[in-house]
Amino acid sequence: MNRRACLLAGSAAALLALPLLLSLSLDASGGAPPGQGAYLMMRPAGHLAFVLAFFQIVLSLHGESLSRWAGLPGLMPLSRALSLSALSFAFLHPLLLLFARMSREGFPLARLAMETFLPDPSKGAWPLACLFGALSFWGLAGSGLSPKRWHLIQVLPYPAFFLAWYHVMLMGSSVRDQFLGALYTLLAASAAGMMLFRVVRR
């Protein structure tokens, strides 16, 4: 593997691993309710979903350019795998929350499932923040599970990514750490910049 390919792979690994380790350390230091293993894994799952969705956007916008720069001809086929991986972690994130709330609060599963995947924003700020996360998940689901020829559906990861960012900034407990909050905002700004650059070039 050449130097540019190593740099690209190392940057991607660091973007996944370092904030993930920091997120886990925040949980271990008491950032989550004690004894709730689902809460401990919910935050890393959300982080992985967000970063993988960012990688998918980068590849869909500039995958060919990155392939030529790094001398790796096989980057573009990764886009579909990244989409499905982001979707898997995006589903695991609220699923862990659902399990944790059911164990902690004892409410019926059907009620908690509705509040998690189809929240009512009229009930306050927390359901509104959940709504942005749910809309992001449904956007990723539509894109990841639909045929590639459905071009209109294939653009859903872009608004879904920014909805996820807003969801994180509204209610993500990880953003109380300034590094993670700045990182997520930097990724969102980078995605917006890449989209704008693509539009201007066209």
N, C-alpha and C. Protein backbone atom coordinates (compact mmCIF):
# COMPACT_ATOMS: atom_id res chain seq x y z
N MET A 1 0.85 -1.20 0.00
CA MET A 1 0.00 0.00 0.00
C MET A 1 0.89 1.24 0.00
N ASN A 2 0.60 2.22 -0.88
CA ASN A 2 1.44 3.41 -0.96
C ASN A 2 1.15 4.37 0.19
N ARG A 3 1.96 5.42 0.26
CA ARG A 3 1.89 6.34 1.38
C ARG A 3 0.54 7.06 1.45
N ARG A 4 0.00 7.46 0.31
CA ARG A 4 -1.29 8.16 0.32
C ARG A 4 -2.42 7.24 0.77
N ALA A 5 -2.38 6.00 0.32
CA ALA A 5 -3.40 5.04 0.74
C ALA A 5 -3.32 4.79 2.25
N CYS A 6 -2.10 4.70 2.78
CA CYS A 6 -1.92 4.52 4.22
C CYS A 6 -2.45 5.72 5.00
N LEU A 7 -2.19 6.92 4.47
CA LEU A 7 -2.68 8.13 5.11
C LEU A 7 -4.20 8.15 5.13
N LEU A 8 -4.82 7.77 4.01
CA LEU A 8 -6.27 7.74 3.92
C LEU A 8 -6.86 6.72 4.89
N ALA A 9 -6.27 5.52 4.92
CA ALA A 9 -6.77 4.47 5.81
C ALA A 9 -6.56 4.85 7.28
N GLY A 10 -5.41 5.44 7.59
CA GLY A 10 -5.15 5.84 8.96
C GLY A 10 -6.08 6.94 9.45
N SER A 11 -6.38 7.91 8.56
CA SER A 11 -7.30 8.98 8.93
C SER A 11 -8.69 8.44 9.20
N ALA A 12 -9.13 7.51 8.35
CA ALA A 12 -10.45 6.91 8.54
C ALA A 12 -10.50 6.12 9.84
N ALA A 13 -9.45 5.35 10.12
CA ALA A 13 -9.41 4.56 11.36
C ALA A 13 -9.42 5.46 12.59
N ALA A 14 -8.65 6.55 12.54
CA ALA A 14 -8.61 7.47 13.68
C ALA A 14 -9.95 8.14 13.90
N LEU A 15 -10.62 8.50 12.81
CA LEU A 15 -11.92 9.16 12.92
C LEU A 15 -12.95 8.23 13.53
N LEU A 16 -12.79 6.95 13.31
CA LEU A 16 -13.70 5.97 13.91
C LEU A 16 -13.30 5.62 15.34
N ALA A 17 -12.00 5.42 15.57
CA ALA A 17 -11.56 4.82 16.83
C ALA A 17 -11.37 5.83 17.97
N LEU A 18 -10.70 6.95 17.71
CA LEU A 18 -10.36 7.85 18.81
C LEU A 18 -11.59 8.45 19.49
N PRO A 19 -12.53 9.04 18.73
CA PRO A 19 -13.73 9.54 19.41
C PRO A 19 -14.57 8.42 20.01
N LEU A 20 -14.52 7.22 19.40
CA LEU A 20 -15.25 6.09 19.95
C LEU A 20 -14.71 5.73 21.34
N LEU A 21 -13.39 5.70 21.47
CA LEU A 21 -12.77 5.41 22.77
C LEU A 21 -13.10 6.50 23.78
N LEU A 22 -13.11 7.75 23.33
CA LEU A 22 -13.46 8.84 24.23
C LEU A 22 -14.91 8.73 24.68
N SER A 23 -15.79 8.35 23.75
CA SER A 23 -17.20 8.17 24.09
C SER A 23 -17.37 7.09 25.13
N LEU A 24 -16.64 5.98 24.98
CA LEU A 24 -16.73 4.90 25.96
C LEU A 24 -16.18 5.33 27.31
N SER A 25 -15.11 6.15 27.31
CA SER A 25 -14.54 6.60 28.57
C SER A 25 -15.49 7.54 29.30
N LEU A 26 -16.26 8.32 28.54
CA LEU A 26 -17.25 9.19 29.17
C LEU A 26 -18.32 8.35 29.86
N ASP A 27 -18.76 7.29 29.19
CA ASP A 27 -19.75 6.41 29.79
C ASP A 27 -19.21 5.75 31.04
N ALA A 28 -17.94 5.29 30.97
CA ALA A 28 -17.37 4.59 32.10
C ALA A 28 -17.18 5.50 33.30
N SER A 29 -17.08 6.82 33.05
CA SER A 29 -16.86 7.75 34.15
C SER A 29 -18.15 8.22 34.78
N GLY A 30 -19.26 7.64 34.40
CA GLY A 30 -20.51 7.99 35.05
C GLY A 30 -21.44 8.80 34.18
N GLY A 31 -21.17 8.93 32.90
CA GLY A 31 -22.03 9.72 32.05
C GLY A 31 -23.34 9.05 31.72
N ALA A 32 -23.51 7.77 32.04
CA ALA A 32 -24.73 7.04 31.75
C ALA A 32 -25.27 6.47 33.06
N PRO A 33 -26.58 6.17 33.11
CA PRO A 33 -27.15 5.60 34.33
C PRO A 33 -26.42 4.32 34.73
N PRO A 34 -26.10 4.16 36.00
CA PRO A 34 -25.34 2.98 36.44
C PRO A 34 -26.13 1.69 36.23
N GLY A 35 -25.42 0.65 35.83
CA GLY A 35 -26.04 -0.64 35.66
C GLY A 35 -26.81 -0.82 34.37
N GLN A 36 -26.78 0.15 33.49
CA GLN A 36 -27.54 0.06 32.24
C GLN A 36 -26.55 -0.18 31.09
N GLY A 37 -26.30 -1.46 30.80
CA GLY A 37 -25.36 -1.80 29.75
C GLY A 37 -25.79 -1.30 28.39
N ALA A 38 -27.10 -1.26 28.16
CA ALA A 38 -27.59 -0.77 26.87
C ALA A 38 -27.24 0.69 26.68
N TYR A 39 -27.32 1.49 27.77
CA TYR A 39 -26.93 2.89 27.66
C TYR A 39 -25.45 3.02 27.33
N LEU A 40 -24.65 2.11 27.88
CA LEU A 40 -23.21 2.18 27.66
C LEU A 40 -22.85 1.97 26.19
N MET A 41 -23.65 1.17 25.48
CA MET A 41 -23.36 0.87 24.08
C MET A 41 -24.13 1.77 23.12
N MET A 42 -25.14 2.46 23.60
CA MET A 42 -25.96 3.30 22.73
C MET A 42 -25.15 4.43 22.11
N ARG A 43 -24.32 5.07 22.92
CA ARG A 43 -23.55 6.22 22.43
C ARG A 43 -22.52 5.82 21.37
N PRO A 44 -21.71 4.77 21.60
CA PRO A 44 -20.78 4.35 20.53
C PRO A 44 -21.50 3.94 19.25
N ALA A 45 -22.66 3.30 19.36
CA ALA A 45 -23.41 2.93 18.15
C ALA A 45 -23.81 4.16 17.36
N GLY A 46 -24.27 5.19 18.06
CA GLY A 46 -24.63 6.43 17.38
C GLY A 46 -23.42 7.09 16.73
N HIS A 47 -22.28 7.06 17.43
CA HIS A 47 -21.06 7.65 16.87
C HIS A 47 -20.66 6.94 15.58
N LEU A 48 -20.68 5.61 15.61
CA LEU A 48 -20.29 4.85 14.42
C LEU A 48 -21.25 5.12 13.26
N ALA A 49 -22.54 5.21 13.54
CA ALA A 49 -23.51 5.50 12.49
C ALA A 49 -23.22 6.85 11.85
N PHE A 50 -22.92 7.84 12.68
CA PHE A 50 -22.67 9.20 12.17
C PHE A 50 -21.42 9.25 11.30
N VAL A 51 -20.34 8.65 11.79
CA VAL A 51 -19.07 8.71 11.05
C VAL A 51 -19.15 7.89 9.76
N LEU A 52 -19.79 6.73 9.82
CA LEU A 52 -19.93 5.91 8.61
C LEU A 52 -20.80 6.62 7.57
N ALA A 53 -21.84 7.33 8.04
CA ALA A 53 -22.65 8.10 7.11
C ALA A 53 -21.83 9.22 6.47
N PHE A 54 -20.93 9.82 7.24
CA PHE A 54 -20.02 10.84 6.69
C PHE A 54 -19.12 10.23 5.62
N PHE A 55 -18.55 9.06 5.90
CA PHE A 55 -17.71 8.40 4.92
C PHE A 55 -18.48 8.12 3.62
N GLN A 56 -19.74 7.71 3.77
CA GLN A 56 -20.54 7.43 2.59
C GLN A 56 -20.73 8.68 1.74
N ILE A 57 -20.97 9.81 2.40
CA ILE A 57 -21.14 11.07 1.68
C ILE A 57 -19.85 11.44 0.96
N VAL A 58 -18.72 11.28 1.64
CA VAL A 58 -17.43 11.59 1.01
C VAL A 58 -17.22 10.76 -0.24
N LEU A 59 -17.50 9.45 -0.15
CA LEU A 59 -17.30 8.58 -1.31
C LEU A 59 -18.28 8.90 -2.42
N SER A 60 -19.52 9.18 -2.08
CA SER A 60 -20.51 9.45 -3.13
C SER A 60 -20.22 10.75 -3.86
N LEU A 61 -19.60 11.72 -3.16
CA LEU A 61 -19.30 13.00 -3.79
C LEU A 61 -17.94 13.02 -4.48
N HIS A 62 -16.94 12.42 -3.85
CA HIS A 62 -15.58 12.54 -4.35
C HIS A 62 -14.83 11.21 -4.34
N GLY A 63 -15.57 10.11 -4.44
CA GLY A 63 -14.93 8.80 -4.39
C GLY A 63 -13.94 8.56 -5.51
N GLU A 64 -14.29 8.98 -6.72
CA GLU A 64 -13.40 8.77 -7.86
C GLU A 64 -12.11 9.58 -7.71
N SER A 65 -12.25 10.81 -7.22
CA SER A 65 -11.06 11.64 -7.01
C SER A 65 -10.16 11.05 -5.94
N LEU A 66 -10.77 10.55 -4.85
CA LEU A 66 -9.99 9.93 -3.79
C LEU A 66 -9.29 8.66 -4.28
N SER A 67 -9.99 7.90 -5.11
CA SER A 67 -9.40 6.68 -5.65
C SER A 67 -8.16 6.98 -6.46
N ARG A 68 -8.25 8.01 -7.32
CA ARG A 68 -7.09 8.37 -8.14
C ARG A 68 -5.96 8.91 -7.27
N TRP A 69 -6.30 9.74 -6.28
CA TRP A 69 -5.28 10.34 -5.42
C TRP A 69 -4.54 9.28 -4.61
N ALA A 70 -5.27 8.31 -4.08
CA ALA A 70 -4.66 7.29 -3.24
C ALA A 70 -4.17 6.08 -4.02
N GLY A 71 -4.50 6.02 -5.31
CA GLY A 71 -4.09 4.87 -6.11
C GLY A 71 -4.83 3.60 -5.72
N LEU A 72 -6.08 3.75 -5.29
CA LEU A 72 -6.90 2.60 -4.88
C LEU A 72 -8.13 2.55 -5.77
N PRO A 73 -8.17 1.67 -6.73
CA PRO A 73 -9.28 1.65 -7.69
C PRO A 73 -10.59 1.13 -7.12
N GLY A 74 -10.57 0.54 -5.93
CA GLY A 74 -11.78 -0.12 -5.44
C GLY A 74 -12.55 0.64 -4.37
N LEU A 75 -12.46 1.98 -4.32
CA LEU A 75 -13.14 2.72 -3.26
C LEU A 75 -14.64 2.86 -3.50
N MET A 76 -15.06 3.09 -4.72
CA MET A 76 -16.46 3.36 -4.99
C MET A 76 -17.40 2.23 -4.56
N PRO A 77 -17.05 0.95 -4.78
CA PRO A 77 -17.95 -0.12 -4.32
C PRO A 77 -18.17 -0.13 -2.81
N LEU A 78 -17.31 0.56 -2.05
CA LEU A 78 -17.49 0.61 -0.61
C LEU A 78 -18.70 1.44 -0.20
N SER A 79 -19.21 2.27 -1.11
CA SER A 79 -20.29 3.17 -0.76
C SER A 79 -21.52 2.42 -0.27
N ARG A 80 -21.88 1.34 -0.98
CA ARG A 80 -23.05 0.55 -0.58
C ARG A 80 -22.83 -0.11 0.77
N ALA A 81 -21.62 -0.63 0.99
CA ALA A 81 -21.31 -1.27 2.27
C ALA A 81 -21.35 -0.26 3.42
N LEU A 82 -20.85 0.94 3.16
CA LEU A 82 -20.89 1.99 4.18
C LEU A 82 -22.33 2.38 4.49
N SER A 83 -23.16 2.45 3.46
CA SER A 83 -24.57 2.79 3.65
C SER A 83 -25.26 1.78 4.56
N LEU A 84 -25.05 0.49 4.29
CA LEU A 84 -25.70 -0.55 5.09
C LEU A 84 -25.11 -0.61 6.50
N SER A 85 -23.81 -0.35 6.63
CA SER A 85 -23.19 -0.34 7.96
C SER A 85 -23.72 0.82 8.79
N ALA A 86 -23.81 2.01 8.18
CA ALA A 86 -24.36 3.16 8.89
C ALA A 86 -25.80 2.90 9.30
N LEU A 87 -26.57 2.28 8.41
CA LEU A 87 -27.96 1.96 8.72
C LEU A 87 -28.05 0.98 9.89
N SER A 88 -27.17 -0.01 9.92
CA SER A 88 -27.19 -1.01 11.00
C SER A 88 -26.93 -0.35 12.35
N PHE A 89 -25.92 0.50 12.42
CA PHE A 89 -25.63 1.17 13.69
C PHE A 89 -26.70 2.21 14.03
N ALA A 90 -27.27 2.84 13.00
CA ALA A 90 -28.35 3.81 13.24
C ALA A 90 -29.58 3.11 13.81
N PHE A 91 -29.80 1.87 13.43
CA PHE A 91 -30.92 1.09 13.98
C PHE A 91 -30.59 0.60 15.39
N LEU A 92 -29.32 0.19 15.59
CA LEU A 92 -28.91 -0.31 16.89
C LEU A 92 -28.97 0.78 17.95
N HIS A 93 -28.69 2.01 17.58
CA HIS A 93 -28.67 3.14 18.52
C HIS A 93 -30.03 3.31 19.23
N PRO A 94 -31.15 3.50 18.52
CA PRO A 94 -32.43 3.62 19.22
C PRO A 94 -32.91 2.30 19.81
N LEU A 95 -32.48 1.17 19.21
CA LEU A 95 -32.88 -0.12 19.76
C LEU A 95 -32.31 -0.31 21.17
N LEU A 96 -31.07 0.10 21.35
CA LEU A 96 -30.47 0.03 22.68
C LEU A 96 -31.17 0.98 23.65
N LEU A 97 -31.53 2.16 23.16
CA LEU A 97 -32.28 3.09 24.00
C LEU A 97 -33.63 2.48 24.39
N LEU A 98 -34.29 1.86 23.44
CA LEU A 98 -35.58 1.23 23.70
C LEU A 98 -35.45 0.15 24.78
N PHE A 99 -34.44 -0.69 24.66
CA PHE A 99 -34.24 -1.75 25.64
C PHE A 99 -33.93 -1.18 27.02
N ALA A 100 -33.07 -0.13 27.04
CA ALA A 100 -32.70 0.47 28.32
C ALA A 100 -33.90 1.11 29.00
N ARG A 101 -34.71 1.83 28.24
CA ARG A 101 -35.89 2.47 28.82
C ARG A 101 -36.90 1.44 29.30
N MET A 102 -37.05 0.37 28.55
CA MET A 102 -37.99 -0.67 28.95
C MET A 102 -37.55 -1.32 30.27
N SER A 103 -36.23 -1.53 30.40
CA SER A 103 -35.71 -2.12 31.63
C SER A 103 -35.80 -1.16 32.80
N ARG A 104 -35.61 0.12 32.51
CA ARG A 104 -35.53 1.11 33.57
C ARG A 104 -36.89 1.64 33.99
N GLU A 105 -37.79 1.87 33.01
CA GLU A 105 -39.06 2.53 33.30
C GLU A 105 -40.23 1.57 33.37
N GLY A 106 -40.09 0.39 32.75
CA GLY A 106 -41.15 -0.60 32.83
C GLY A 106 -42.38 -0.30 32.00
N PHE A 107 -42.27 0.63 31.04
CA PHE A 107 -43.41 0.94 30.19
C PHE A 107 -43.60 -0.17 29.15
N PRO A 108 -44.80 -0.29 28.59
CA PRO A 108 -45.04 -1.32 27.55
C PRO A 108 -44.14 -1.10 26.34
N LEU A 109 -43.74 -2.19 25.72
CA LEU A 109 -42.84 -2.14 24.57
C LEU A 109 -43.42 -1.31 23.44
N ALA A 110 -44.72 -1.50 23.13
CA ALA A 110 -45.35 -0.80 22.02
C ALA A 110 -45.29 0.72 22.21
N ARG A 111 -45.54 1.17 23.43
CA ARG A 111 -45.50 2.62 23.71
C ARG A 111 -44.10 3.18 23.52
N LEU A 112 -43.12 2.48 24.09
CA LEU A 112 -41.75 2.96 23.98
C LEU A 112 -41.25 2.91 22.54
N ALA A 113 -41.68 1.89 21.79
CA ALA A 113 -41.27 1.80 20.38
C ALA A 113 -41.80 2.97 19.58
N MET A 114 -43.04 3.36 19.84
CA MET A 114 -43.62 4.52 19.15
C MET A 114 -42.86 5.79 19.53
N GLU A 115 -42.56 5.95 20.81
CA GLU A 115 -41.85 7.14 21.26
C GLU A 115 -40.42 7.19 20.70
N THR A 116 -39.85 6.04 20.42
CA THR A 116 -38.47 5.98 19.94
C THR A 116 -38.38 6.17 18.44
N PHE A 117 -39.22 5.46 17.68
CA PHE A 117 -39.10 5.47 16.22
C PHE A 117 -40.08 6.43 15.54
N LEU A 118 -41.15 6.81 16.23
CA LEU A 118 -42.11 7.78 15.68
C LEU A 118 -42.50 8.78 16.78
N PRO A 119 -41.55 9.56 17.28
CA PRO A 119 -41.85 10.45 18.41
C PRO A 119 -42.77 11.59 18.02
N ASP A 120 -43.53 12.07 19.00
CA ASP A 120 -44.46 13.19 18.79
C ASP A 120 -43.78 14.47 19.25
N PRO A 121 -43.39 15.37 18.33
CA PRO A 121 -42.65 16.57 18.71
C PRO A 121 -43.46 17.57 19.52
N SER A 122 -44.78 17.41 19.54
CA SER A 122 -45.61 18.35 20.29
C SER A 122 -45.53 18.13 21.79
N LYS A 123 -44.87 17.04 22.21
CA LYS A 123 -44.82 16.70 23.64
C LYS A 123 -43.61 17.27 24.35
N GLY A 124 -42.82 18.07 23.66
CA GLY A 124 -41.70 18.70 24.34
C GLY A 124 -40.41 18.65 23.56
N ALA A 125 -39.35 19.18 24.18
CA ALA A 125 -38.06 19.30 23.50
C ALA A 125 -37.40 17.93 23.28
N TRP A 126 -37.53 17.03 24.24
CA TRP A 126 -36.87 15.73 24.10
C TRP A 126 -37.46 14.92 22.95
N PRO A 127 -38.81 14.81 22.85
CA PRO A 127 -39.36 14.11 21.68
C PRO A 127 -39.02 14.80 20.35
N LEU A 128 -38.90 16.13 20.37
CA LEU A 128 -38.51 16.84 19.15
C LEU A 128 -37.10 16.45 18.73
N ALA A 129 -36.20 16.38 19.70
CA ALA A 129 -34.83 15.95 19.38
C ALA A 129 -34.81 14.51 18.89
N CYS A 130 -35.65 13.66 19.51
CA CYS A 130 -35.76 12.27 19.05
C CYS A 130 -36.29 12.20 17.62
N LEU A 131 -37.19 13.14 17.29
CA LEU A 131 -37.77 13.14 15.94
C LEU A 131 -36.70 13.34 14.88
N PHE A 132 -35.76 14.23 15.13
CA PHE A 132 -34.68 14.45 14.16
C PHE A 132 -33.84 13.18 13.99
N GLY A 133 -33.60 12.49 15.10
CA GLY A 133 -32.87 11.23 15.00
C GLY A 133 -33.66 10.17 14.24
N ALA A 134 -34.98 10.11 14.49
CA ALA A 134 -35.82 9.13 13.80
C ALA A 134 -35.89 9.42 12.31
N LEU A 135 -36.04 10.70 11.94
CA LEU A 135 -36.07 11.06 10.53
C LEU A 135 -34.75 10.72 9.84
N SER A 136 -33.65 10.91 10.57
CA SER A 136 -32.36 10.54 10.01
C SER A 136 -32.29 9.04 9.75
N PHE A 137 -32.77 8.25 10.71
CA PHE A 137 -32.76 6.80 10.54
C PHE A 137 -33.60 6.37 9.35
N TRP A 138 -34.81 6.93 9.22
CA TRP A 138 -35.68 6.53 8.11
C TRP A 138 -35.09 6.96 6.77
N GLY A 139 -34.37 8.09 6.76
CA GLY A 139 -33.70 8.50 5.52
C GLY A 139 -32.61 7.53 5.12
N LEU A 140 -31.80 7.11 6.11
CA LEU A 140 -30.75 6.13 5.82
C LEU A 140 -31.36 4.79 5.39
N ALA A 141 -32.47 4.43 6.02
CA ALA A 141 -33.12 3.16 5.68
C ALA A 141 -33.63 3.19 4.24
N GLY A 142 -34.24 4.30 3.84
CA GLY A 142 -34.75 4.40 2.48
C GLY A 142 -33.65 4.30 1.45
N SER A 143 -32.53 4.94 1.74
CA SER A 143 -31.42 4.92 0.80
C SER A 143 -30.72 3.57 0.78
N GLY A 144 -30.48 3.01 1.97
CA GLY A 144 -29.72 1.78 2.06
C GLY A 144 -30.46 0.56 1.53
N LEU A 145 -31.79 0.56 1.61
CA LEU A 145 -32.56 -0.61 1.23
C LEU A 145 -33.23 -0.51 -0.13
N SER A 146 -33.18 0.68 -0.75
CA SER A 146 -33.83 0.85 -2.04
C SER A 146 -32.88 0.49 -3.18
N PRO A 147 -33.40 0.10 -4.32
CA PRO A 147 -32.53 -0.17 -5.48
C PRO A 147 -31.75 1.07 -5.90
N LYS A 148 -30.56 0.86 -6.47
CA LYS A 148 -29.72 1.98 -6.87
C LYS A 148 -30.37 2.84 -7.96
N ARG A 149 -31.28 2.27 -8.72
CA ARG A 149 -31.89 3.03 -9.80
C ARG A 149 -32.90 4.07 -9.28
N TRP A 150 -33.27 3.98 -8.02
CA TRP A 150 -34.18 4.97 -7.45
C TRP A 150 -33.37 6.19 -7.04
N HIS A 151 -33.07 7.01 -8.00
CA HIS A 151 -32.13 8.11 -7.79
C HIS A 151 -32.63 9.12 -6.76
N LEU A 152 -33.94 9.37 -6.74
CA LEU A 152 -34.47 10.35 -5.79
C LEU A 152 -34.26 9.87 -4.36
N ILE A 153 -34.43 8.56 -4.13
CA ILE A 153 -34.25 8.00 -2.79
C ILE A 153 -32.77 8.00 -2.40
N GLN A 154 -31.89 7.86 -3.40
CA GLN A 154 -30.47 7.75 -3.12
C GLN A 154 -29.85 9.04 -2.58
N VAL A 155 -30.57 10.16 -2.69
CA VAL A 155 -30.03 11.41 -2.14
C VAL A 155 -30.41 11.59 -0.67
N LEU A 156 -31.18 10.68 -0.10
CA LEU A 156 -31.64 10.82 1.28
C LEU A 156 -30.51 10.83 2.32
N PRO A 157 -29.36 10.16 2.08
CA PRO A 157 -28.31 10.25 3.10
C PRO A 157 -27.83 11.66 3.40
N TYR A 158 -27.96 12.57 2.44
CA TYR A 158 -27.48 13.93 2.69
C TYR A 158 -28.32 14.65 3.74
N PRO A 159 -29.65 14.78 3.55
CA PRO A 159 -30.43 15.39 4.64
C PRO A 159 -30.42 14.55 5.90
N ALA A 160 -30.36 13.23 5.76
CA ALA A 160 -30.33 12.36 6.95
C ALA A 160 -29.10 12.64 7.80
N PHE A 161 -27.97 12.89 7.15
CA PHE A 161 -26.73 13.17 7.89
C PHE A 161 -26.87 14.46 8.69
N PHE A 162 -27.43 15.50 8.10
CA PHE A 162 -27.56 16.77 8.81
C PHE A 162 -28.64 16.72 9.89
N LEU A 163 -29.67 15.91 9.66
CA LEU A 163 -30.66 15.68 10.72
C LEU A 163 -30.01 14.96 11.91
N ALA A 164 -29.13 14.01 11.60
CA ALA A 164 -28.42 13.30 12.67
C ALA A 164 -27.53 14.26 13.46
N TRP A 165 -26.87 15.16 12.74
CA TRP A 165 -26.02 16.15 13.42
C TRP A 165 -26.86 17.02 14.35
N TYR A 166 -28.01 17.48 13.88
CA TYR A 166 -28.87 18.31 14.72
C TYR A 166 -29.39 17.52 15.91
N HIS A 167 -29.70 16.27 15.69
CA HIS A 167 -30.14 15.38 16.77
C HIS A 167 -29.05 15.26 17.85
N VAL A 168 -27.81 15.08 17.41
CA VAL A 168 -26.69 14.97 18.35
C VAL A 168 -26.52 16.26 19.14
N MET A 169 -26.57 17.39 18.46
CA MET A 169 -26.33 18.66 19.14
C MET A 169 -27.47 19.01 20.10
N LEU A 170 -28.68 18.52 19.82
CA LEU A 170 -29.80 18.82 20.70
C LEU A 170 -29.80 17.96 21.95
N MET A 171 -29.50 16.67 21.79
CA MET A 171 -29.69 15.77 22.93
C MET A 171 -28.54 14.80 23.17
N GLY A 172 -27.53 14.78 22.30
CA GLY A 172 -26.45 13.82 22.50
C GLY A 172 -25.61 14.17 23.72
N SER A 173 -25.56 13.25 24.68
CA SER A 173 -24.80 13.52 25.89
C SER A 173 -23.30 13.59 25.63
N SER A 174 -22.86 13.00 24.51
CA SER A 174 -21.43 13.04 24.19
C SER A 174 -20.94 14.45 23.90
N VAL A 175 -21.81 15.34 23.43
CA VAL A 175 -21.34 16.65 23.00
C VAL A 175 -21.01 17.55 24.18
N ARG A 176 -21.30 17.09 25.40
CA ARG A 176 -20.81 17.88 26.53
C ARG A 176 -19.29 17.85 26.60
N ASP A 177 -18.70 16.86 25.95
CA ASP A 177 -17.27 16.89 25.74
C ASP A 177 -17.00 17.76 24.53
N GLN A 178 -16.23 18.83 24.72
CA GLN A 178 -16.05 19.82 23.67
C GLN A 178 -15.39 19.23 22.43
N PHE A 179 -14.51 18.26 22.61
CA PHE A 179 -13.84 17.66 21.46
C PHE A 179 -14.85 16.98 20.54
N LEU A 180 -15.74 16.17 21.10
CA LEU A 180 -16.71 15.46 20.28
C LEU A 180 -17.70 16.42 19.63
N GLY A 181 -18.16 17.41 20.38
CA GLY A 181 -19.08 18.39 19.81
C GLY A 181 -18.44 19.13 18.64
N ALA A 182 -17.16 19.52 18.80
CA ALA A 182 -16.45 20.21 17.72
C ALA A 182 -16.23 19.27 16.54
N LEU A 183 -15.93 18.00 16.82
CA LEU A 183 -15.69 17.04 15.74
C LEU A 183 -16.94 16.83 14.89
N TYR A 184 -18.08 16.62 15.55
CA TYR A 184 -19.32 16.40 14.80
C TYR A 184 -19.67 17.63 13.96
N THR A 185 -19.46 18.81 14.53
CA THR A 185 -19.75 20.03 13.79
C THR A 185 -18.79 20.19 12.61
N LEU A 186 -17.52 19.82 12.82
CA LEU A 186 -16.54 19.89 11.74
C LEU A 186 -16.91 18.93 10.60
N LEU A 187 -17.36 17.73 10.94
CA LEU A 187 -17.78 16.78 9.92
C LEU A 187 -18.99 17.30 9.15
N ALA A 188 -19.94 17.88 9.86
CA ALA A 188 -21.13 18.43 9.19
C ALA A 188 -20.74 19.58 8.27
N ALA A 189 -19.85 20.46 8.75
CA ALA A 189 -19.40 21.58 7.92
C ALA A 189 -18.62 21.07 6.71
N SER A 190 -17.81 20.03 6.90
CA SER A 190 -17.03 19.47 5.79
C SER A 190 -17.96 18.87 4.74
N ALA A 191 -19.00 18.15 5.19
CA ALA A 191 -19.95 17.57 4.25
C ALA A 191 -20.68 18.67 3.47
N ALA A 192 -21.07 19.73 4.17
CA ALA A 192 -21.74 20.84 3.49
C ALA A 192 -20.81 21.49 2.47
N GLY A 193 -19.53 21.65 2.85
CA GLY A 193 -18.57 22.25 1.94
C GLY A 193 -18.35 21.38 0.70
N MET A 194 -18.26 20.08 0.88
CA MET A 194 -18.07 19.18 -0.26
C MET A 194 -19.29 19.19 -1.18
N MET A 195 -20.48 19.27 -0.60
CA MET A 195 -21.68 19.34 -1.43
C MET A 195 -21.72 20.63 -2.23
N LEU A 196 -21.36 21.74 -1.57
CA LEU A 196 -21.35 23.03 -2.26
C LEU A 196 -20.30 23.03 -3.38
N PHE A 197 -19.15 22.46 -3.10
CA PHE A 197 -18.09 22.39 -4.12
C PHE A 197 -18.56 21.59 -5.32
N ARG A 198 -19.26 20.49 -5.07
CA ARG A 198 -19.76 19.65 -6.16
C ARG A 198 -20.78 20.43 -7.00
N VAL A 199 -21.65 21.17 -6.34
CA VAL A 199 -22.65 21.95 -7.06
C VAL A 199 -22.00 23.03 -7.91
N VAL A 200 -21.01 23.74 -7.32
CA VAL A 200 -20.32 24.80 -8.06
C VAL A 200 -19.59 24.26 -9.27
N ARG A 201 -18.96 23.11 -9.13
CA ARG A 201 -18.24 22.51 -10.25
C ARG A 201 -19.18 22.15 -11.40
N ARG A 202 -20.39 21.73 -11.04
CA ARG A 202 -21.33 21.36 -12.07
C ARG A 202 -21.94 22.59 -12.76
